Structure formats: structure tokens, C-alpha cells
Amino acid sequence: MKFTVIAGAALIAMVSTQAMAVSVAQLISKCGGDAKTYCDGVGYGDPMQECLDKNFKKLTDDCKIVVQKLRDGEKVTLL
């Protein structure tokens, strides 16, 4: 019984963590065009996030949603 409760809690924590993350696929699909337009030549990771954040007002609505999630502390994941 204890194992089931612990396993269930771990599963909930894992799902919650995944819900609080932005996938690389989302980032590319929602912000790829904006990144090319405003951040061409900027490296990946923090430099790209800083560039998108700096150009926030110019971004498409879909990209703004993703960048806001990153501003709110969500991490980028591969999944």
C-alpha cells in the first residue's frame, strides 16, 4: 500500500514537472520564425532566450506565450 502511494505521488510530480516545461519542439514551432527574424546568428540557450525576451513586443502571439512561460520560470525540455 505504501509503495502504491509513493509511486502515485512520484507520477503526479513527474506529470506536474512536464506540464511546467516548454519543449524544444514547441519553442521551434512557435518561435522559429521570430528567432530567425530578430535573433539570427545568436547562439542557442540563454543567448536566444535573452534575444527573444528583448524583442518580446515584436514577437508573434504564439511565441509571446512561450517566451512568457520561460519568463515565469518554466524550463526547456527535449520532450
Protein backbone atom coordinates (compact mmCIF):
# COMPACT_ATOMS: atom_id res chain seq x y z
CA MET A 1 0.00 0.00 0.00
CA LYS A 2 2.78 2.46 0.92
CA PHE A 3 4.59 1.70 -2.35
CA THR A 4 1.45 2.48 -4.37
CA VAL A 5 1.05 5.84 -2.63
CA ILE A 6 4.72 6.74 -3.13
CA ALA A 7 4.67 5.63 -6.78
CA GLY A 8 1.47 7.61 -7.35
CA ALA A 9 2.97 10.73 -5.76
CA ALA A 10 6.10 10.34 -7.90
CA LEU A 11 3.97 10.03 -11.04
CA ILE A 12 1.99 13.16 -10.14
CA ALA A 13 5.22 15.07 -9.50
CA MET A 14 6.61 13.89 -12.84
CA VAL A 15 3.47 14.94 -14.75
CA SER A 16 3.44 18.29 -12.94
CA THR A 17 7.07 18.88 -13.87
CA GLN A 18 6.41 18.09 -17.52
CA ALA A 19 3.43 20.45 -17.54
CA MET A 20 5.72 23.19 -16.24
CA ALA A 21 8.16 22.91 -19.12
CA VAL A 22 8.46 24.15 -22.68
CA SER A 23 9.58 21.52 -25.16
CA VAL A 24 12.20 22.23 -27.79
CA ALA A 25 9.56 21.30 -30.40
CA GLN A 26 7.21 23.99 -29.03
CA LEU A 27 9.99 26.53 -29.00
CA ILE A 28 10.92 25.80 -32.61
CA SER A 29 7.35 25.63 -33.92
CA LYS A 30 6.11 28.73 -32.08
CA CYS A 31 9.25 30.90 -32.13
CA GLY A 32 11.37 29.65 -35.03
CA GLY A 33 10.30 32.41 -37.42
CA ASP A 34 10.70 35.12 -34.78
CA ALA A 35 14.11 33.77 -33.81
CA LYS A 36 15.25 33.91 -37.43
CA THR A 37 13.87 37.43 -37.88
CA TYR A 38 15.08 39.05 -34.65
CA CYS A 39 17.87 36.80 -33.37
CA ASP A 40 19.66 35.45 -36.46
CA GLY A 41 23.20 34.50 -35.53
CA VAL A 42 22.52 34.41 -31.80
CA GLY A 43 23.54 31.20 -30.06
CA TYR A 44 21.10 28.70 -28.58
CA GLY A 45 20.09 28.54 -24.94
CA ASP A 46 20.36 31.59 -22.75
CA PRO A 47 21.51 33.97 -25.53
CA MET A 48 18.47 33.04 -27.64
CA GLN A 49 16.11 33.36 -24.69
CA GLU A 50 17.58 36.79 -23.88
CA CYS A 51 17.21 37.92 -27.50
CA LEU A 52 13.59 36.77 -27.72
CA ASP A 53 12.88 38.41 -24.38
CA LYS A 54 14.46 41.67 -25.56
CA ASN A 55 12.27 41.62 -28.69
CA PHE A 56 9.13 40.48 -26.83
CA LYS A 57 6.85 43.25 -28.14
CA LYS A 58 7.69 42.35 -31.76
CA LEU A 59 7.07 38.59 -31.42
CA THR A 60 4.06 36.73 -32.78
CA ASP A 61 1.34 35.97 -30.25
CA ASP A 62 2.21 32.24 -30.20
CA CYS A 63 5.85 32.98 -29.50
CA LYS A 64 4.95 35.51 -26.80
CA ILE A 65 3.09 32.76 -24.94
CA VAL A 66 6.16 30.51 -25.00
CA VAL A 67 8.55 33.31 -24.00
CA GLN A 68 6.23 34.30 -21.15
CA LYS A 69 6.34 30.72 -19.88
CA LEU A 70 10.12 30.93 -19.87
CA ARG A 71 9.95 34.29 -18.08
CA ASP A 72 7.73 32.62 -15.48
CA GLY A 73 10.46 30.05 -14.78
CA GLU A 74 9.48 27.11 -16.96
CA LYS A 75 12.46 25.17 -18.29
CA VAL A 76 13.13 23.93 -21.81
CA THR A 77 12.98 20.14 -22.17
CA LEU A 78 13.55 17.72 -25.02
CA LEU A 79 10.10 16.17 -24.55
